[in-house]
Amino acid sequence: MRPTALVVGHVTLDAAPTGFVPGGSVWYGARTLRALGARPWALTAAGPDFPPLGPGWRCGAATSTTRFANSYDAEGGRVQILLSLAEPIEVQALPPQWRTPALAFLAPVLGDFEPGPFVAALAGCPLVGAGLQGWLKHARPGGKVLHGPVGVDPERFRGLHVAFLSEEDLAGRLDWLDALCAVVPLVYLTRGRHGATMFGRDGARDIPACAAEEVDPTGAGDTFAAATLLALAQGKGPVEAARQGAAAASVVVEHRAAAPLKALRRSAERLERPREVA
């Protein structure tokens, strides 16, 4: 039987050369989980302009869909502009039958919901992970998105089993990372093409990226998180799970918008050609 998986967060419409394309951590996370053999349920909110969602999605009505314009520099650094923002997702929208999945991935993009009520509602779930990016950034007037855990207490994430964040999200706050690791037992810090670092009860461990011909890094971190969580739920150790996450992420960066599901299903083959950590 395919494991059930819950993903929560705003879908987005992201500006692309051909127009706006679907995106968001919940979008990439659900696609990854489906491609790798799970049965995902996804809770989101969007405006009437978002394309129809398929089976397994529960979409609350919002005044507008969250929209972003993203650009990247030569080193992979992102400049993100918020164009519109959907209303928050409330825990009351989570169906009772969705509250005990095999794994849960809380995946906000910009303050989509509060983590505490969802962690409490998922008390019967054996593996609750979260991508912290949506709680570690804010938009200035005019829409420019700034990153960093300014004013964010790591205690906010107590109850999570796993947390994911990027160097961009951390913004150099190693003291904040230490405080987070004291609250969440397993933390993955992603570093783009340079791989990731895992922080667990037994110390830190670097995880190499997989070789890839990068086209667009959008969604890579979300894919890494979802694939890693699924591997953990399947009994893999934290290092092996992250290697599977890195393999899936390497597929995503080779495509614009969203990698084909067929390509994601073959991502494990990339474990035979890891890239050295810089």
Protein backbone atom coordinates (compact mmCIF):
# COMPACT_ATOMS: atom_id res chain seq x y z
CA MET A 1 0.00 0.00 0.00
CA ARG A 2 1.28 3.47 -0.85
CA PRO A 3 2.02 5.59 2.23
CA THR A 4 -0.25 8.56 2.79
CA ALA A 5 1.33 12.00 2.99
CA LEU A 6 -0.09 15.41 3.89
CA VAL A 7 1.29 18.66 2.45
CA VAL A 8 0.07 22.09 3.57
CA GLY A 9 0.81 25.52 2.09
CA HIS A 10 -0.14 28.07 -0.52
CA VAL A 11 0.16 27.18 -4.16
CA THR A 12 1.63 30.07 -6.13
CA LEU A 13 1.72 31.50 -9.60
CA ASP A 14 5.32 32.32 -10.50
CA ALA A 15 6.29 34.68 -13.28
CA ALA A 16 8.05 32.90 -16.17
CA PRO A 17 9.04 33.92 -19.70
CA THR A 18 5.87 32.27 -21.02
CA GLY A 19 3.56 33.79 -18.37
CA PHE A 20 2.65 32.64 -14.86
CA VAL A 21 3.20 28.98 -13.99
CA PRO A 22 2.02 26.98 -10.94
CA GLY A 23 4.47 26.68 -8.07
CA GLY A 24 4.84 26.85 -4.32
CA SER A 25 6.34 24.46 -1.80
CA VAL A 26 3.08 22.52 -1.52
CA TRP A 27 2.99 22.13 -5.31
CA TYR A 28 6.55 20.79 -5.61
CA GLY A 29 6.20 18.71 -2.45
CA ALA A 30 2.99 16.98 -3.56
CA ARG A 31 4.38 16.29 -7.05
CA THR A 32 7.54 14.78 -5.59
CA LEU A 33 5.67 12.56 -3.16
CA ARG A 34 3.33 11.33 -5.88
CA ALA A 35 6.19 10.60 -8.27
CA LEU A 36 8.09 8.66 -5.61
CA GLY A 37 5.19 6.41 -4.71
CA ALA A 38 3.26 8.12 -1.91
CA ARG A 39 -0.41 9.07 -1.92
CA PRO A 40 -0.39 12.79 -1.09
CA TRP A 41 -3.21 14.91 0.25
CA ALA A 42 -2.65 18.64 -0.16
CA LEU A 43 -4.35 21.48 1.68
CA THR A 44 -4.00 24.90 0.08
CA ALA A 45 -5.77 28.18 -0.72
CA ALA A 46 -5.85 30.08 -4.00
CA GLY A 47 -7.84 32.58 -5.98
CA PRO A 48 -10.10 31.80 -8.95
CA ASP A 49 -7.18 32.40 -11.34
CA PHE A 50 -5.33 29.22 -10.27
CA PRO A 51 -5.74 26.23 -12.62
CA PRO A 52 -7.98 23.38 -11.42
CA LEU A 53 -6.28 20.96 -9.04
CA GLY A 54 -6.63 17.21 -9.29
CA PRO A 55 -7.64 14.46 -6.86
CA GLY A 56 -6.14 14.69 -3.40
CA TRP A 57 -6.22 18.48 -3.28
CA ARG A 58 -8.42 20.57 -0.99
CA CYS A 59 -8.30 24.22 -2.02
CA GLY A 60 -9.85 26.95 0.09
CA ALA A 61 -11.17 30.01 -1.70
CA ALA A 62 -8.95 33.09 -1.49
CA THR A 63 -9.32 36.61 -2.82
CA SER A 64 -6.16 36.19 -4.86
CA THR A 65 -3.48 33.58 -5.47
CA THR A 66 -0.02 34.16 -4.01
CA ARG A 67 2.18 35.35 -6.88
CA PHE A 68 5.94 35.83 -7.08
CA ALA A 69 8.53 37.01 -9.56
CA ASN A 70 11.88 35.21 -9.05
CA SER A 71 15.29 35.91 -10.54
CA TYR A 72 18.70 34.38 -9.80
CA ASP A 73 22.28 35.63 -9.95
CA ALA A 74 25.29 33.66 -11.20
CA GLU A 75 25.85 32.14 -7.74
CA GLY A 76 22.26 30.96 -7.42
CA GLY A 77 21.19 33.79 -5.11
CA ARG A 78 17.51 34.64 -5.47
CA VAL A 79 15.73 37.97 -5.73
CA GLN A 80 12.04 37.45 -5.02
CA ILE A 81 9.22 39.96 -5.44
CA LEU A 82 5.79 39.34 -3.91
CA LEU A 83 3.02 40.39 -6.29
CA SER A 84 -0.05 39.18 -4.35
CA LEU A 85 -0.80 37.09 -1.27
CA ALA A 86 -3.63 34.65 -0.48
CA GLU A 87 -5.37 34.61 2.89
CA PRO A 88 -3.97 32.30 5.61
CA ILE A 89 -4.93 28.63 5.81
CA GLU A 90 -6.74 27.75 9.04
CA VAL A 91 -6.31 24.40 10.77
CA GLN A 92 -10.10 23.97 10.79
CA ALA A 93 -9.86 23.36 7.03
CA LEU A 94 -7.89 20.16 7.65
CA PRO A 95 -10.29 17.20 7.30
CA PRO A 96 -10.30 14.78 10.27
CA GLN A 97 -9.41 11.86 7.97
CA TRP A 98 -6.25 13.70 6.88
CA ARG A 99 -4.83 14.10 10.38
CA THR A 100 -3.06 10.74 10.71
CA PRO A 101 -0.95 10.34 7.54
CA ALA A 102 2.30 8.38 7.43
CA LEU A 103 4.13 11.70 7.07
CA ALA A 104 3.31 15.39 6.93
CA PHE A 105 5.17 18.22 5.19
CA LEU A 106 4.25 21.71 6.37
CA ALA A 107 5.31 23.87 3.45
CA PRO A 108 4.49 27.60 3.67
CA VAL A 109 5.87 30.15 1.22
CA LEU A 110 5.14 33.37 3.16
CA GLY A 111 3.31 33.09 6.47
CA ASP A 112 0.62 30.84 5.00
CA PHE A 113 -0.41 29.47 8.43
CA GLU A 114 0.80 29.13 11.99
CA PRO A 115 2.79 25.94 12.66
CA GLY A 116 1.56 25.29 16.21
CA PRO A 117 -2.08 24.45 15.48
CA PHE A 118 -1.10 22.10 12.65
CA VAL A 119 1.54 20.33 14.75
CA ALA A 120 -1.10 19.83 17.46
CA ALA A 121 -3.68 18.58 14.94
CA LEU A 122 -1.13 16.09 13.59
CA ALA A 123 -0.31 14.57 16.98
CA GLY A 124 -1.16 11.14 15.58
CA CYS A 125 1.29 11.47 12.66
CA PRO A 126 4.61 9.67 13.25
CA LEU A 127 6.69 12.05 11.10
CA VAL A 128 5.98 15.77 10.85
CA GLY A 129 8.47 17.85 8.91
CA ALA A 130 8.43 21.47 7.81
CA GLY A 131 10.17 23.74 5.36
CA LEU A 132 10.80 26.85 7.45
CA GLN A 133 11.29 29.30 4.59
CA GLY A 134 7.76 30.68 4.74
CA TRP A 135 8.20 31.65 8.39
CA LEU A 136 11.70 33.09 7.96
CA LYS A 137 11.00 35.79 5.39
CA HIS A 138 8.81 38.83 4.96
CA ALA A 139 7.91 41.24 2.20
CA ARG A 140 8.75 44.92 2.35
CA PRO A 141 6.42 47.60 0.95
CA GLY A 142 6.77 47.27 -2.80
CA GLY A 143 7.05 43.49 -2.57
CA LYS A 144 10.77 42.74 -2.21
CA VAL A 145 11.14 39.63 -0.04
CA LEU A 146 13.77 39.68 2.72
CA HIS A 147 15.14 36.53 4.33
CA GLY A 148 16.28 35.78 7.84
CA PRO A 149 14.88 34.69 11.23
CA VAL A 150 14.48 38.24 12.58
CA GLY A 151 12.09 38.13 15.53
CA VAL A 152 11.33 34.43 15.04
CA ASP A 153 11.64 32.31 18.18
CA PRO A 154 12.87 28.76 17.43
CA GLU A 155 10.43 27.56 20.11
CA ARG A 156 7.74 28.21 17.53
CA PHE A 157 8.84 24.96 15.86
CA ARG A 158 8.84 22.70 18.90
CA GLY A 159 6.97 19.49 18.12
CA LEU A 160 8.40 19.08 14.63
CA HIS A 161 10.40 15.92 14.00
CA VAL A 162 12.34 17.38 11.07
CA ALA A 163 13.01 20.93 9.85
CA PHE A 164 14.41 22.12 6.53
CA LEU A 165 15.87 25.55 5.77
CA SER A 166 18.38 27.03 3.37
CA GLU A 167 21.41 29.24 3.81
CA GLU A 168 19.29 31.98 2.25
CA ASP A 169 16.63 31.49 4.94
CA LEU A 170 19.23 31.48 7.72
CA ALA A 171 20.92 34.70 6.55
CA GLY A 172 24.09 33.92 8.48
CA ARG A 173 22.41 33.48 11.87
CA LEU A 174 24.38 30.48 13.14
CA ASP A 175 23.27 31.27 16.68
CA TRP A 176 19.66 30.89 15.59
CA LEU A 177 20.50 27.57 13.91
CA ASP A 178 22.00 26.30 17.17
CA ALA A 179 18.82 27.27 19.01
CA LEU A 180 16.68 25.53 16.38
CA CYS A 181 18.72 22.33 16.68
CA ALA A 182 18.04 22.35 20.43
CA VAL A 183 14.29 22.28 19.70
CA VAL A 184 13.99 20.10 16.57
CA PRO A 185 15.82 16.73 16.68
CA LEU A 186 16.72 16.59 12.97
CA VAL A 187 17.55 19.68 10.89
CA TYR A 188 18.72 19.91 7.27
CA LEU A 189 20.41 23.09 6.05
CA THR A 190 20.47 23.16 2.23
CA ARG A 191 23.24 24.96 0.35
CA GLY A 192 22.10 24.76 -3.27
CA ARG A 193 24.67 23.24 -5.61
CA HIS A 194 26.95 22.66 -2.62
CA GLY A 195 24.66 20.08 -1.06
CA ALA A 196 23.28 20.13 2.48
CA THR A 197 24.33 19.69 6.08
CA MET A 198 22.40 17.49 8.47
CA PHE A 199 22.28 18.30 12.17
CA GLY A 200 21.17 15.48 14.45
CA ARG A 201 21.68 14.33 17.99
CA ASP A 202 25.02 12.78 16.98
CA GLY A 203 26.42 15.94 15.37
CA ALA A 204 26.62 17.35 11.85
CA ARG A 205 27.12 15.54 8.55
CA ASP A 206 27.58 16.99 5.05
CA ILE A 207 25.46 15.55 2.24
CA PRO A 208 26.79 16.03 -1.32
CA ALA A 209 24.62 17.30 -4.14
CA CYS A 210 24.11 15.15 -7.21
CA ALA A 211 25.55 16.31 -10.51
CA ALA A 212 23.03 18.24 -12.60
CA GLU A 213 22.82 20.55 -15.61
CA GLU A 214 21.09 23.40 -13.82
CA VAL A 215 18.39 25.32 -15.69
CA ASP A 216 16.17 26.66 -12.90
CA PRO A 217 16.66 26.01 -9.14
CA THR A 218 13.07 26.94 -8.22
CA GLY A 219 11.48 24.14 -6.19
CA ALA A 220 14.70 22.23 -5.54
CA GLY A 221 14.63 22.76 -1.78
CA ASP A 222 10.99 21.71 -1.54
CA THR A 223 11.71 18.60 -3.60
CA PHE A 224 14.70 17.76 -1.39
CA ALA A 225 12.52 18.08 1.72
CA ALA A 226 9.62 15.99 0.41
CA ALA A 227 11.84 13.20 -0.93
CA THR A 228 13.90 13.13 2.27
CA LEU A 229 10.78 12.90 4.43
CA LEU A 230 9.39 10.06 2.36
CA ALA A 231 12.65 8.13 2.65
CA LEU A 232 12.66 8.67 6.42
CA ALA A 233 9.07 7.41 6.61
CA GLN A 234 10.16 4.32 4.69
CA GLY A 235 12.80 3.54 7.32
CA LYS A 236 15.92 5.03 5.74
CA GLY A 237 18.52 6.59 8.01
CA PRO A 238 18.91 10.40 8.02
CA VAL A 239 21.96 10.39 5.73
CA GLU A 240 20.59 7.91 3.18
CA ALA A 241 17.25 9.73 3.19
CA ALA A 242 18.98 13.03 2.42
CA ARG A 243 20.92 11.44 -0.42
CA GLN A 244 17.62 10.42 -1.97
CA GLY A 245 16.38 13.96 -1.44
CA ALA A 246 19.45 15.33 -3.19
CA ALA A 247 18.90 13.01 -6.15
CA ALA A 248 15.31 14.20 -6.58
CA ALA A 249 16.36 17.85 -6.28
CA SER A 250 18.96 17.37 -9.00
CA VAL A 251 16.18 16.37 -11.40
CA VAL A 252 14.10 19.46 -10.63
CA VAL A 253 16.88 21.97 -11.33
CA GLU A 254 17.23 20.60 -14.86
CA HIS A 255 13.72 21.75 -15.80
CA ARG A 256 11.74 24.97 -15.79
CA ALA A 257 8.51 25.16 -13.76
CA ALA A 258 8.14 21.47 -12.84
CA ALA A 259 10.11 18.35 -13.68
CA PRO A 260 8.18 15.59 -15.46
CA LEU A 261 6.95 12.95 -13.02
CA LYS A 262 8.63 10.26 -15.11
CA ALA A 263 12.02 11.94 -14.58
CA LEU A 264 11.43 12.24 -10.82
CA ARG A 265 10.58 8.54 -10.59
CA ARG A 266 14.04 7.74 -11.95
CA SER A 267 15.87 10.12 -9.59
CA ALA A 268 17.35 7.34 -7.44
CA GLU A 269 19.56 6.35 -10.37
CA ARG A 270 21.53 9.56 -9.77
CA LEU A 271 22.86 8.32 -6.46
CA GLU A 272 25.61 6.59 -8.41
CA ARG A 273 27.08 9.95 -9.52
CA PRO A 274 27.24 12.32 -6.51
CA ARG A 275 28.98 15.68 -6.71
CA GLU A 276 31.66 16.48 -4.15
CA VAL A 277 30.77 19.03 -1.49
CA ALA A 278 32.65 22.30 -2.11
